[in-house]
């Protein structure tokens, strides 16, 4: 593993810890209780995809959350820069992680196929 990928992984790991802390400081309960599943930084660390747990949010709540996270992006960056002493912080792009939902749907399909084959 080269130095660049190690530094990138370290940055991602640090952000994965710092972002929930930064979100917890917010007064909006819907935002402060969000669960960060993963952070994937671009190679130059200018941008970071932040994957959030969908929990039981409906589409209106998800839209509200993404809209407000976009507004407070700078606040979250400042929190991370102060906590780590960084000169700059990646620009965050928030997304809801749908991989668990997709996995559950696939599991149900496999169960259905299994029942049809052996039923």
PDB file of N, CA and C in Angstrom:
ATOM      1  N   UNK A   1       0.853  -1.188   0.000  1.00  0.00           N
ATOM      2  CA  UNK A   1       0.000   0.000   0.000  1.00  0.00           C
ATOM      3  C   UNK A   1       0.891   1.241   0.000  1.00  0.00           C
ATOM      4  N   UNK A   2       0.572   2.196  -0.842  1.00  0.00           N
ATOM      5  CA  UNK A   2       1.424   3.381  -0.914  1.00  0.00           C
ATOM      6  C   UNK A   2       0.989   4.446   0.093  1.00  0.00           C
ATOM      7  N   UNK A   3       1.844   5.455   0.272  1.00  0.00           N
ATOM      8  CA  UNK A   3       1.601   6.498   1.263  1.00  0.00           C
ATOM      9  C   UNK A   3       0.315   7.273   0.998  1.00  0.00           C
ATOM     10  N   UNK A   4       0.024   7.533  -0.284  1.00  0.00           N
ATOM     11  CA  UNK A   4      -1.169   8.319  -0.610  1.00  0.00           C
ATOM     12  C   UNK A   4      -2.440   7.602  -0.192  1.00  0.00           C
ATOM     13  N   UNK A   5      -2.509   6.302  -0.463  1.00  0.00           N
ATOM     14  CA  UNK A   5      -3.723   5.584  -0.097  1.00  0.00           C
ATOM     15  C   UNK A   5      -3.854   5.444   1.417  1.00  0.00           C
ATOM     16  N   UNK A   6      -2.755   5.339   2.124  1.00  0.00           N
ATOM     17  CA  UNK A   6      -2.796   5.282   3.587  1.00  0.00           C
ATOM     18  C   UNK A   6      -3.295   6.605   4.155  1.00  0.00           C
ATOM     19  N   UNK A   7      -2.791   7.716   3.614  1.00  0.00           N
ATOM     20  CA  UNK A   7      -3.246   9.036   4.060  1.00  0.00           C
ATOM     21  C   UNK A   7      -4.723   9.240   3.751  1.00  0.00           C
ATOM     22  N   UNK A   8      -5.148   8.786   2.580  1.00  0.00           N
ATOM     23  CA  UNK A   8      -6.548   8.905   2.180  1.00  0.00           C
ATOM     24  C   UNK A   8      -7.440   8.092   3.117  1.00  0.00           C
ATOM     25  N   UNK A   9      -7.022   6.877   3.427  1.00  0.00           N
ATOM     26  CA  UNK A   9      -7.794   6.039   4.341  1.00  0.00           C
ATOM     27  C   UNK A   9      -7.842   6.637   5.740  1.00  0.00           C
ATOM     28  N   UNK A  10      -6.743   7.233   6.171  1.00  0.00           N
ATOM     29  CA  UNK A  10      -6.717   7.859   7.493  1.00  0.00           C
ATOM     30  C   UNK A  10      -7.691   9.038   7.536  1.00  0.00           C
ATOM     31  N   UNK A  11      -7.678   9.863   6.484  1.00  0.00           N
ATOM     32  CA  UNK A  11      -8.594  11.007   6.408  1.00  0.00           C
ATOM     33  C   UNK A  11     -10.043  10.526   6.450  1.00  0.00           C
ATOM     34  N   UNK A  12     -10.334   9.487   5.679  1.00  0.00           N
ATOM     35  CA  UNK A  12     -11.693   8.946   5.659  1.00  0.00           C
ATOM     36  C   UNK A  12     -12.097   8.442   7.037  1.00  0.00           C
ATOM     37  N   UNK A  13     -11.185   7.764   7.699  1.00  0.00           N
ATOM     38  CA  UNK A  13     -11.458   7.225   9.032  1.00  0.00           C
ATOM     39  C   UNK A  13     -11.708   8.346  10.050  1.00  0.00           C
ATOM     40  N   UNK A  14     -10.880   9.384   9.992  1.00  0.00           N
ATOM     41  CA  UNK A  14     -11.027  10.520  10.902  1.00  0.00           C
ATOM     42  C   UNK A  14     -12.369  11.212  10.659  1.00  0.00           C
ATOM     43  N   UNK A  15     -12.719  11.422   9.394  1.00  0.00           N
ATOM     44  CA  UNK A  15     -13.993  12.074   9.068  1.00  0.00           C
ATOM     45  C   UNK A  15     -15.184  11.227   9.513  1.00  0.00           C
ATOM     46  N   UNK A  16     -15.040   9.921   9.424  1.00  0.00           N
ATOM     47  CA  UNK A  16     -16.109   9.013   9.845  1.00  0.00           C
ATOM     48  C   UNK A  16     -16.383   9.147  11.346  1.00  0.00           C
ATOM     49  N   UNK A  17     -15.359   9.513  12.101  1.00  0.00           N
ATOM     50  CA  UNK A  17     -15.514   9.744  13.541  1.00  0.00           C
ATOM     51  C   UNK A  17     -15.983  11.176  13.833  1.00  0.00           C
ATOM     52  N   UNK A  18     -15.416  12.152  13.121  1.00  0.00           N
ATOM     53  CA  UNK A  18     -15.696  13.561  13.417  1.00  0.00           C
ATOM     54  C   UNK A  18     -17.090  14.014  12.979  1.00  0.00           C
ATOM     55  N   UNK A  19     -17.569  13.529  11.846  1.00  0.00           N
ATOM     56  CA  UNK A  19     -18.870  13.992  11.341  1.00  0.00           C
ATOM     57  C   UNK A  19     -20.032  13.698  12.300  1.00  0.00           C
ATOM     58  N   UNK A  20     -20.109  12.491  12.890  1.00  0.00           N
ATOM     59  CA  UNK A  20     -21.183  12.283  13.873  1.00  0.00           C
ATOM     60  C   UNK A  20     -21.071  13.223  15.084  1.00  0.00           C
ATOM     61  N   UNK A  21     -19.826  13.510  15.486  1.00  0.00           N
ATOM     62  CA  UNK A  21     -19.615  14.467  16.592  1.00  0.00           C
ATOM     63  C   UNK A  21     -20.124  15.845  16.190  1.00  0.00           C
ATOM     64  N   UNK A  22     -19.786  16.277  14.980  1.00  0.00           N
ATOM     65  CA  UNK A  22     -20.214  17.591  14.491  1.00  0.00           C
ATOM     66  C   UNK A  22     -21.730  17.645  14.366  1.00  0.00           C
ATOM     67  N   UNK A  23     -22.333  16.581  13.874  1.00  0.00           N
ATOM     68  CA  UNK A  23     -23.794  16.537  13.741  1.00  0.00           C
ATOM     69  C   UNK A  23     -24.466  16.567  15.106  1.00  0.00           C
ATOM     70  N   UNK A  24     -23.857  15.937  16.089  1.00  0.00           N
ATOM     71  CA  UNK A  24     -24.431  15.894  17.439  1.00  0.00           C
ATOM     72  C   UNK A  24     -24.496  17.279  18.083  1.00  0.00           C
ATOM     73  N   UNK A  25     -23.686  18.233  17.604  1.00  0.00           N
ATOM     74  CA  UNK A  25     -23.692  19.582  18.179  1.00  0.00           C
ATOM     75  C   UNK A  25     -24.873  20.418  17.668  1.00  0.00           C
ATOM     76  N   UNK A  26     -25.589  19.912  16.665  1.00  0.00           N
ATOM     77  CA  UNK A  26     -26.684  20.677  16.064  1.00  0.00           C
ATOM     78  C   UNK A  26     -27.944  20.618  16.917  1.00  0.00           C
ATOM     79  N   UNK A  27     -28.742  21.670  16.825  1.00  0.00           N
ATOM     80  CA  UNK A  27     -29.982  21.718  17.607  1.00  0.00           C
ATOM     81  C   UNK A  27     -31.122  20.971  16.917  1.00  0.00           C
ATOM     82  N   UNK A  28     -31.032  20.770  15.611  1.00  0.00           N
ATOM     83  CA  UNK A  28     -32.061  20.046  14.867  1.00  0.00           C
ATOM     84  C   UNK A  28     -31.923  18.554  15.162  1.00  0.00           C
ATOM     85  N   UNK A  29     -32.914  17.995  15.849  1.00  0.00           N
ATOM     86  CA  UNK A  29     -32.822  16.608  16.292  1.00  0.00           C
ATOM     87  C   UNK A  29     -32.731  15.616  15.129  1.00  0.00           C
ATOM     88  N   UNK A  30     -33.382  15.932  14.025  1.00  0.00           N
ATOM     89  CA  UNK A  30     -33.345  15.029  12.876  1.00  0.00           C
ATOM     90  C   UNK A  30     -31.927  14.940  12.308  1.00  0.00           C
ATOM     91  N   UNK A  31     -31.193  16.037  12.365  1.00  0.00           N
ATOM     92  CA  UNK A  31     -29.822  16.049  11.859  1.00  0.00           C
ATOM     93  C   UNK A  31     -28.827  15.534  12.896  1.00  0.00           C
ATOM     94  N   UNK A  32     -29.052  15.865  14.145  1.00  0.00           N
ATOM     95  CA  UNK A  32     -28.080  15.514  15.186  1.00  0.00           C
ATOM     96  C   UNK A  32     -28.037  14.016  15.469  1.00  0.00           C
ATOM     97  N   UNK A  33     -29.084  13.293  15.094  1.00  0.00           N
ATOM     98  CA  UNK A  33     -29.123  11.855  15.359  1.00  0.00           C
ATOM     99  C   UNK A  33     -28.789  11.002  14.142  1.00  0.00           C
ATOM    100  N   UNK A  34     -28.295  11.625  13.081  1.00  0.00           N
ATOM    101  CA  UNK A  34     -27.952  10.873  11.878  1.00  0.00           C
ATOM    102  C   UNK A  34     -26.764   9.947  12.133  1.00  0.00           C
ATOM    103  N   UNK A  35     -26.795   8.819  11.473  1.00  0.00           N
ATOM    104  CA  UNK A  35     -25.722   7.838  11.598  1.00  0.00           C
ATOM    105  C   UNK A  35     -24.896   7.828  10.312  1.00  0.00           C
ATOM    106  N   UNK A  36     -23.607   8.124  10.444  1.00  0.00           N
ATOM    107  CA  UNK A  36     -22.699   8.118   9.292  1.00  0.00           C
ATOM    108  C   UNK A  36     -22.180   6.693   9.113  1.00  0.00           C
ATOM    109  N   UNK A  37     -22.471   6.109   7.954  1.00  0.00           N
ATOM    110  CA  UNK A  37     -22.061   4.731   7.685  1.00  0.00           C
ATOM    111  C   UNK A  37     -20.658   4.683   7.103  1.00  0.00           C
ATOM    112  N   UNK A  38     -20.375   5.587   6.166  1.00  0.00           N
ATOM    113  CA  UNK A  38     -19.063   5.561   5.534  1.00  0.00           C
ATOM    114  C   UNK A  38     -18.734   6.929   4.946  1.00  0.00           C
ATOM    115  N   UNK A  39     -17.450   7.179   4.765  1.00  0.00           N
ATOM    116  CA  UNK A  39     -16.963   8.403   4.115  1.00  0.00           C
ATOM    117  C   UNK A  39     -15.932   7.970   3.076  1.00  0.00           C
ATOM    118  N   UNK A  40     -16.139   8.426   1.847  1.00  0.00           N
ATOM    119  CA  UNK A  40     -15.206   8.092   0.763  1.00  0.00           C
ATOM    120  C   UNK A  40     -14.707   9.402   0.154  1.00  0.00           C
ATOM    121  N   UNK A  41     -13.418   9.667   0.340  1.00  0.00           N
ATOM    122  CA  UNK A  41     -12.810  10.899  -0.178  1.00  0.00           C
ATOM    123  C   UNK A  41     -12.317  10.691  -1.606  1.00  0.00           C
ATOM    124  N   UNK A  42     -12.353  11.781  -2.370  1.00  0.00           N
ATOM    125  CA  UNK A  42     -11.767  11.741  -3.703  1.00  0.00           C
ATOM    126  C   UNK A  42     -10.251  11.701  -3.549  1.00  0.00           C
ATOM    127  N   UNK A  43      -9.571  11.400  -4.612  1.00  0.00           N
ATOM    128  CA  UNK A  43      -8.123  11.236  -4.549  1.00  0.00           C
ATOM    129  C   UNK A  43      -7.404  12.489  -4.038  1.00  0.00           C
ATOM    130  N   UNK A  44      -7.836  13.652  -4.453  1.00  0.00           N
ATOM    131  CA  UNK A  44      -7.199  14.884  -4.010  1.00  0.00           C
ATOM    132  C   UNK A  44      -7.742  15.408  -2.688  1.00  0.00           C
ATOM    133  N   UNK A  45      -8.684  14.693  -2.122  1.00  0.00           N
ATOM    134  CA  UNK A  45      -9.337  15.045  -0.850  1.00  0.00           C
ATOM    135  C   UNK A  45     -10.065  16.385  -0.922  1.00  0.00           C
ATOM    136  N   UNK A  46     -10.524  16.759  -2.110  1.00  0.00           N
ATOM    137  CA  UNK A  46     -11.305  17.987  -2.242  1.00  0.00           C
ATOM    138  C   UNK A  46     -12.784  17.722  -1.977  1.00  0.00           C
ATOM    139  N   UNK A  47     -13.205  16.493  -2.245  1.00  0.00           N
ATOM    140  CA  UNK A  47     -14.600  16.119  -2.052  1.00  0.00           C
ATOM    141  C   UNK A  47     -14.672  14.819  -1.270  1.00  0.00           C
ATOM    142  N   UNK A  48     -15.773  14.681  -0.527  1.00  0.00           N
ATOM    143  CA  UNK A  48     -16.001  13.446   0.217  1.00  0.00           C
ATOM    144  C   UNK A  48     -17.469  13.068   0.130  1.00  0.00           C
ATOM    145  N   UNK A  49     -17.713  11.834  -0.273  1.00  0.00           N
ATOM    146  CA  UNK A  49     -19.071  11.291  -0.279  1.00  0.00           C
ATOM    147  C   UNK A  49     -19.328  10.773   1.128  1.00  0.00           C
ATOM    148  N   UNK A  50     -20.388  11.274   1.760  1.00  0.00           N
ATOM    149  CA  UNK A  50     -20.735  10.847   3.110  1.00  0.00           C
ATOM    150  C   UNK A  50     -22.027  10.038   3.024  1.00  0.00           C
ATOM    151  N   UNK A  51     -21.928   8.761   3.404  1.00  0.00           N
ATOM    152  CA  UNK A  51     -23.084   7.866   3.318  1.00  0.00           C
ATOM    153  C   UNK A  51     -23.769   7.788   4.679  1.00  0.00           C
ATOM    154  N   UNK A  52     -25.066   8.055   4.668  1.00  0.00           N
ATOM    155  CA  UNK A  52     -25.866   8.084   5.891  1.00  0.00           C
ATOM    156  C   UNK A  52     -26.803   6.886   5.944  1.00  0.00           C
ATOM    157  N   UNK A  53     -27.128   6.470   7.165  1.00  0.00           N
ATOM    158  CA  UNK A  53     -28.084   5.381   7.349  1.00  0.00           C
ATOM    159  C   UNK A  53     -29.483   5.899   7.051  1.00  0.00           C
ATOM    160  N   UNK A  54     -30.229   5.152   6.259  1.00  0.00           N
ATOM    161  CA  UNK A  54     -31.584   5.559   5.886  1.00  0.00           C
ATOM    162  C   UNK A  54     -32.543   5.541   7.069  1.00  0.00           C
ATOM    163  N   UNK A  55     -32.287   4.661   8.011  1.00  0.00           N
ATOM    164  CA  UNK A  55     -33.190   4.416   9.132  1.00  0.00           C
ATOM    165  C   UNK A  55     -34.607   4.246   8.600  1.00  0.00           C
ATOM    166  N   UNK A  56     -35.553   4.963   9.181  1.00  0.00           N
ATOM    167  CA  UNK A  56     -36.943   4.815   8.731  1.00  0.00           C
ATOM    168  C   UNK A  56     -37.452   6.119   8.126  1.00  0.00           C
ATOM    169  N   UNK A  57     -36.566   6.851   7.474  1.00  0.00           N
ATOM    170  CA  UNK A  57     -36.965   8.134   6.907  1.00  0.00           C
ATOM    171  C   UNK A  57     -37.776   7.937   5.634  1.00  0.00           C
ATOM    172  N   UNK A  58     -38.834   8.750   5.493  1.00  0.00           N
ATOM    173  CA  UNK A  58     -39.572   8.725   4.226  1.00  0.00           C
ATOM    174  C   UNK A  58     -38.894   9.705   3.267  1.00  0.00           C
ATOM    175  N   UNK A  59     -39.393   9.784   2.044  1.00  0.00           N
ATOM    176  CA  UNK A  59     -38.717  10.597   1.031  1.00  0.00           C
ATOM    177  C   UNK A  59     -38.722  12.089   1.376  1.00  0.00           C
ATOM    178  N   UNK A  60     -39.786  12.582   2.030  1.00  0.00           N
ATOM    179  CA  UNK A  60     -39.830  13.994   2.436  1.00  0.00           C
ATOM    180  C   UNK A  60     -38.779  14.294   3.495  1.00  0.00           C
ATOM    181  N   UNK A  61     -38.633  13.381   4.450  1.00  0.00           N
ATOM    182  CA  UNK A  61     -37.638  13.574   5.509  1.00  0.00           C
ATOM    183  C   UNK A  61     -36.222  13.528   4.921  1.00  0.00           C
ATOM    184  N   UNK A  62     -36.003  12.622   3.984  1.00  0.00           N
ATOM    185  CA  UNK A  62     -34.686  12.532   3.351  1.00  0.00           C
ATOM    186  C   UNK A  62     -34.359  13.820   2.597  1.00  0.00           C
ATOM    187  N   UNK A  63     -35.339  14.352   1.892  1.00  0.00           N
ATOM    188  CA  UNK A  63     -35.130  15.600   1.149  1.00  0.00           C
ATOM    189  C   UNK A  63     -34.810  16.737   2.112  1.00  0.00           C
ATOM    190  N   UNK A  64     -35.535  16.811   3.231  1.00  0.00           N
ATOM    191  CA  UNK A  64     -35.296  17.832   4.258  1.00  0.00           C
ATOM    192  C   UNK A  64     -33.865  17.713   4.787  1.00  0.00           C
ATOM    193  N   UNK A  65     -33.474  16.490   5.120  1.00  0.00           N
ATOM    194  CA  UNK A  65     -32.148  16.253   5.699  1.00  0.00           C
ATOM    195  C   UNK A  65     -31.047  16.659   4.716  1.00  0.00           C
ATOM    196  N   UNK A  66     -31.153  16.206   3.470  1.00  0.00           N
ATOM    197  CA  UNK A  66     -30.120  16.524   2.480  1.00  0.00           C
ATOM    198  C   UNK A  66     -30.040  18.026   2.214  1.00  0.00           C
ATOM    199  N   UNK A  67     -31.193  18.685   2.171  1.00  0.00           N
ATOM    200  CA  UNK A  67     -31.230  20.135   1.939  1.00  0.00           C
ATOM    201  C   UNK A  67     -30.531  20.882   3.074  1.00  0.00           C
ATOM    202  N   UNK A  68     -30.829  20.494   4.314  1.00  0.00           N
ATOM    203  CA  UNK A  68     -30.237  21.190   5.458  1.00  0.00           C
ATOM    204  C   UNK A  68     -28.756  20.838   5.657  1.00  0.00           C
ATOM    205  N   UNK A  69     -28.375  19.629   5.316  1.00  0.00           N
ATOM    206  CA  UNK A  69     -26.958  19.280   5.410  1.00  0.00           C
ATOM    207  C   UNK A  69     -26.143  20.093   4.414  1.00  0.00           C
ATOM    208  N   UNK A  70     -26.720  20.356   3.258  1.00  0.00           N
ATOM    209  CA  UNK A  70     -26.044  21.184   2.257  1.00  0.00           C
ATOM    210  C   UNK A  70     -25.820  22.596   2.806  1.00  0.00           C
ATOM    211  N   UNK A  71     -26.818  23.105   3.550  1.00  0.00           N
ATOM    212  CA  UNK A  71     -26.722  24.452   4.120  1.00  0.00           C
ATOM    213  C   UNK A  71     -25.645  24.551   5.200  1.00  0.00           C
ATOM    214  N   UNK A  72     -25.473  23.465   5.971  1.00  0.00           N
ATOM    215  CA  UNK A  72     -24.525  23.522   7.096  1.00  0.00           C
ATOM    216  C   UNK A  72     -23.184  22.875   6.762  1.00  0.00           C
ATOM    217  N   UNK A  73     -22.942  22.630   5.480  1.00  0.00           N
ATOM    218  CA  UNK A  73     -21.704  22.002   5.035  1.00  0.00           C
ATOM    219  C   UNK A  73     -20.481  22.733   5.590  1.00  0.00           C
ATOM    220  N   UNK A  74     -20.491  24.048   5.507  1.00  0.00           N
ATOM    221  CA  UNK A  74     -19.350  24.855   5.968  1.00  0.00           C
ATOM    222  C   UNK A  74     -19.131  24.701   7.478  1.00  0.00           C
ATOM    223  N   UNK A  75     -20.219  24.663   8.229  1.00  0.00           N
ATOM    224  CA  UNK A  75     -20.124  24.468   9.689  1.00  0.00           C
ATOM    225  C   UNK A  75     -19.448  23.122   9.995  1.00  0.00           C
ATOM    226  N   UNK A  76     -19.847  22.084   9.282  1.00  0.00           N
ATOM    227  CA  UNK A  76     -19.261  20.757   9.492  1.00  0.00           C
ATOM    228  C   UNK A  76     -17.786  20.741   9.100  1.00  0.00           C
ATOM    229  N   UNK A  77     -17.446  21.428   8.014  1.00  0.00           N
ATOM    230  CA  UNK A  77     -16.042  21.514   7.603  1.00  0.00           C
ATOM    231  C   UNK A  77     -15.215  22.230   8.679  1.00  0.00           C
ATOM    232  N   UNK A  78     -15.731  23.349   9.183  1.00  0.00           N
ATOM    233  CA  UNK A  78     -15.015  24.101  10.222  1.00  0.00           C
ATOM    234  C   UNK A  78     -14.807  23.250  11.478  1.00  0.00           C
ATOM    235  N   UNK A  79     -15.817  22.488  11.850  1.00  0.00           N
ATOM    236  CA  UNK A  79     -15.709  21.618  13.023  1.00  0.00           C
ATOM    237  C   UNK A  79     -14.559  20.627  12.828  1.00  0.00           C
ATOM    238  N   UNK A  80     -14.519  19.994  11.660  1.00  0.00           N
ATOM    239  CA  UNK A  80     -13.475  19.001  11.375  1.00  0.00           C
ATOM    240  C   UNK A  80     -12.088  19.638  11.314  1.00  0.00           C
ATOM    241  N   UNK A  81     -12.001  20.830  10.707  1.00  0.00           N
ATOM    242  CA  UNK A  81     -10.700  21.504  10.612  1.00  0.00           C
ATOM    243  C   UNK A  81     -10.186  21.887  11.996  1.00  0.00           C
ATOM    244  N   UNK A  82     -11.058  22.403  12.851  1.00  0.00           N
ATOM    245  CA  UNK A  82     -10.634  22.784  14.197  1.00  0.00           C
ATOM    246  C   UNK A  82     -10.231  21.560  15.015  1.00  0.00           C
ATOM    247  N   UNK A  83     -11.004  20.486  14.908  1.00  0.00           N
ATOM    248  CA  UNK A  83     -10.730  19.289  15.701  1.00  0.00           C
ATOM    249  C   UNK A  83      -9.395  18.645  15.327  1.00  0.00           C
ATOM    250  N   UNK A  84      -9.049  18.686  14.047  1.00  0.00           N
ATOM    251  CA  UNK A  84      -7.830  18.019  13.575  1.00  0.00           C
ATOM    252  C   UNK A  84      -6.676  18.985  13.295  1.00  0.00           C
ATOM    253  N   UNK A  85      -6.942  20.285  13.335  1.00  0.00           N
ATOM    254  CA  UNK A  85      -5.899  21.262  13.020  1.00  0.00           C
ATOM    255  C   UNK A  85      -5.566  21.293  11.540  1.00  0.00           C
ATOM    256  N   UNK A  86      -6.523  20.919  10.706  1.00  0.00           N
ATOM    257  CA  UNK A  86      -6.312  20.905   9.259  1.00  0.00           C
ATOM    258  C   UNK A  86      -6.407  22.301   8.687  1.00  0.00           C
ATOM    259  N   UNK A  87      -5.727  22.500   7.562  1.00  0.00           N
ATOM    260  CA  UNK A  87      -5.792  23.765   6.833  1.00  0.00           C
ATOM    261  C   UNK A  87      -7.047  23.813   5.966  1.00  0.00           C
ATOM    262  N   UNK A  88      -7.429  22.661   5.417  1.00  0.00           N
ATOM    263  CA  UNK A  88      -8.651  22.594   4.627  1.00  0.00           C
ATOM    264  C   UNK A  88      -9.330  21.247   4.861  1.00  0.00           C
ATOM    265  N   UNK A  89     -10.586  21.201   4.460  1.00  0.00           N
ATOM    266  CA  UNK A  89     -11.389  20.007   4.672  1.00  0.00           C
ATOM    267  C   UNK A  89     -12.161  19.730   3.384  1.00  0.00           C
ATOM    268  N   UNK A  90     -12.407  18.473   3.062  1.00  0.00           N
ATOM    269  CA  UNK A  90     -13.154  18.175   1.836  1.00  0.00           C
ATOM    270  C   UNK A  90     -14.563  18.777   1.856  1.00  0.00           C
ATOM    271  N   UNK A  91     -15.081  19.016   0.692  1.00  0.00           N
ATOM    272  CA  UNK A  91     -16.468  19.453   0.545  1.00  0.00           C
ATOM    273  C   UNK A  91     -17.338  18.202   0.640  1.00  0.00           C
ATOM    274  N   UNK A  92     -18.308  18.208   1.544  1.00  0.00           N
ATOM    275  CA  UNK A  92     -19.107  17.011   1.796  1.00  0.00           C
ATOM    276  C   UNK A  92     -20.302  16.918   0.848  1.00  0.00           C
ATOM    277  N   UNK A  93     -20.525  15.708   0.353  1.00  0.00           N
ATOM    278  CA  UNK A  93     -21.692  15.399  -0.474  1.00  0.00           C
ATOM    279  C   UNK A  93     -22.420  14.261   0.227  1.00  0.00           C
ATOM    280  N   UNK A  94     -23.585  14.556   0.765  1.00  0.00           N
ATOM    281  CA  UNK A  94     -24.314  13.573   1.556  1.00  0.00           C
ATOM    282  C   UNK A  94     -25.249  12.735   0.700  1.00  0.00           C
ATOM    283  N   UNK A  95     -25.287  11.429   1.010  1.00  0.00           N
ATOM    284  CA  UNK A  95     -26.158  10.486   0.321  1.00  0.00           C
ATOM    285  C   UNK A  95     -26.669   9.481   1.345  1.00  0.00           C
ATOM    286  N   UNK A  96     -27.844   8.953   1.075  1.00  0.00           N
ATOM    287  CA  UNK A  96     -28.339   7.875   1.922  1.00  0.00           C
ATOM    288  C   UNK A  96     -27.857   6.551   1.349  1.00  0.00           C
ATOM    289  N   UNK A  97     -27.325   5.706   2.224  1.00  0.00           N
ATOM    290  CA  UNK A  97     -26.804   4.410   1.806  1.00  0.00           C
ATOM    291  C   UNK A  97     -27.960   3.438   1.632  1.00  0.00           C
ATOM    292  N   UNK A  98     -28.154   2.990   0.410  1.00  0.00           N
ATOM    293  CA  UNK A  98     -29.260   2.085   0.118  1.00  0.00           C
ATOM    294  C   UNK A  98     -28.780   0.645  -0.064  1.00  0.00           C
ATOM    295  N   UNK A  99     -27.530   0.373   0.248  1.00  0.00           N
ATOM    296  CA  UNK A  99     -26.994  -0.966   0.013  1.00  0.00           C
ATOM    297  C   UNK A  99     -27.676  -2.011   0.900  1.00  0.00           C
ATOM    298  N   UNK A 100     -28.014  -1.650   2.145  1.00  0.00           N
ATOM    299  CA  UNK A 100     -28.675  -2.598   3.034  1.00  0.00           C
ATOM    300  C   UNK A 100     -30.067  -2.940   2.511  1.00  0.00           C
ATOM    301  N   UNK A 101     -30.783  -1.928   2.027  1.00  0.00           N
ATOM    302  CA  UNK A 101     -32.115  -2.150   1.470  1.00  0.00           C
ATOM    303  C   UNK A 101     -32.026  -3.062   0.244  1.00  0.00           C
ATOM    304  N   UNK A 102     -31.048  -2.799  -0.617  1.00  0.00           N
ATOM    305  CA  UNK A 102     -30.863  -3.626  -1.807  1.00  0.00           C
ATOM    306  C   UNK A 102     -30.510  -5.058  -1.422  1.00  0.00           C
ATOM    307  N   UNK A 103     -29.669  -5.196  -0.400  1.00  0.00           N
ATOM    308  CA  UNK A 103     -29.272  -6.531   0.064  1.00  0.00           C
ATOM    309  C   UNK A 103     -30.491  -7.292   0.584  1.00  0.00           C
ATOM    310  N   UNK A 104     -31.350  -6.614   1.353  1.00  0.00           N
ATOM    311  CA  UNK A 104     -32.558  -7.256   1.871  1.00  0.00           C
ATOM    312  C   UNK A 104     -33.491  -7.680   0.742  1.00  0.00           C
ATOM    313  N   UNK A 105     -33.618  -6.833  -0.279  1.00  0.00           N
ATOM    314  CA  UNK A 105     -34.458  -7.173  -1.429  1.00  0.00           C
ATOM    315  C   UNK A 105     -33.907  -8.388  -2.163  1.00  0.00           C
ATOM    316  N   UNK A 106     -32.584  -8.447  -2.312  1.00  0.00           N
ATOM    317  CA  UNK A 106     -31.970  -9.600  -2.963  1.00  0.00           C
ATOM    318  C   UNK A 106     -32.185 -10.869  -2.141  1.00  0.00           C
ATOM    319  N   UNK A 107     -32.049 -10.758  -0.823  1.00  0.00           N
ATOM    320  CA  UNK A 107     -32.276 -11.915   0.047  1.00  0.00           C
ATOM    321  C   UNK A 107     -33.698 -12.448  -0.104  1.00  0.00           C
ATOM    322  N   UNK A 108     -34.671 -11.538  -0.173  1.00  0.00           N
ATOM    323  CA  UNK A 108     -36.069 -11.946  -0.349  1.00  0.00           C
ATOM    324  C   UNK A 108     -36.265 -12.652  -1.692  1.00  0.00           C
ATOM    325  N   UNK A 109     -35.616 -12.133  -2.744  1.00  0.00           N
ATOM    326  CA  UNK A 109     -35.707 -12.774  -4.055  1.00  0.00           C
ATOM    327  C   UNK A 109     -35.117 -14.185  -4.026  1.00  0.00           C
ATOM    328  N   UNK A 110     -33.971 -14.337  -3.375  1.00  0.00           N
ATOM    329  CA  UNK A 110     -33.352 -15.658  -3.284  1.00  0.00           C
ATOM    330  C   UNK A 110     -34.227 -16.625  -2.488  1.00  0.00           C
ATOM    331  N   UNK A 111     -34.859 -16.129  -1.414  1.00  0.00           N
ATOM    332  CA  UNK A 111     -35.772 -16.967  -0.635  1.00  0.00           C
ATOM    333  C   UNK A 111     -36.944 -17.418  -1.493  1.00  0.00           C
ATOM    334  N   UNK A 112     -37.481 -16.505  -2.281  1.00  0.00           N
ATOM    335  CA  UNK A 112     -38.609 -16.817  -3.155  1.00  0.00           C
ATOM    336  C   UNK A 112     -38.207 -17.875  -4.187  1.00  0.00           C
ATOM    337  N   UNK A 113     -37.039 -17.714  -4.785  1.00  0.00           N
ATOM    338  CA  UNK A 113     -36.534 -18.682  -5.759  1.00  0.00           C
ATOM    339  C   UNK A 113     -36.342 -20.045  -5.094  1.00  0.00           C
ATOM    340  N   UNK A 114     -35.783 -20.031  -3.899  1.00  0.00           N
ATOM    341  CA  UNK A 114     -35.557 -21.273  -3.146  1.00  0.00           C
ATOM    342  C   UNK A 114     -36.868 -22.016  -2.885  1.00  0.00           C
ATOM    343  N   UNK A 115     -37.892 -21.269  -2.487  1.00  0.00           N
ATOM    344  CA  UNK A 115     -39.205 -21.878  -2.222  1.00  0.00           C
ATOM    345  C   UNK A 115     -39.810 -22.464  -3.501  1.00  0.00           C
ATOM    346  N   UNK A 116     -39.651 -21.725  -4.611  1.00  0.00           N
ATOM    347  CA  UNK A 116     -40.210 -22.209  -5.880  1.00  0.00           C
ATOM    348  C   UNK A 116     -39.487 -23.453  -6.383  1.00  0.00           C
ATOM    349  N   UNK A 117     -38.189 -23.525  -6.142  1.00  0.00           N
ATOM    350  CA  UNK A 117     -37.425 -24.692  -6.587  1.00  0.00           C
ATOM    351  C   UNK A 117     -37.712 -25.928  -5.738  1.00  0.00           C
ATOM    352  N   UNK A 118     -37.882 -25.722  -4.440  1.00  0.00           N
ATOM    353  CA  UNK A 118     -38.064 -26.857  -3.527  1.00  0.00           C
ATOM    354  C   UNK A 118     -39.503 -26.994  -3.047  1.00  0.00           C
ATOM    355  N   UNK A 119     -40.388 -26.103  -3.504  1.00  0.00           N
ATOM    356  CA  UNK A 119     -41.769 -26.106  -3.015  1.00  0.00           C
ATOM    357  C   UNK A 119     -42.648 -26.938  -3.808  1.00  0.00           C
TER     358      UNK A 119
END
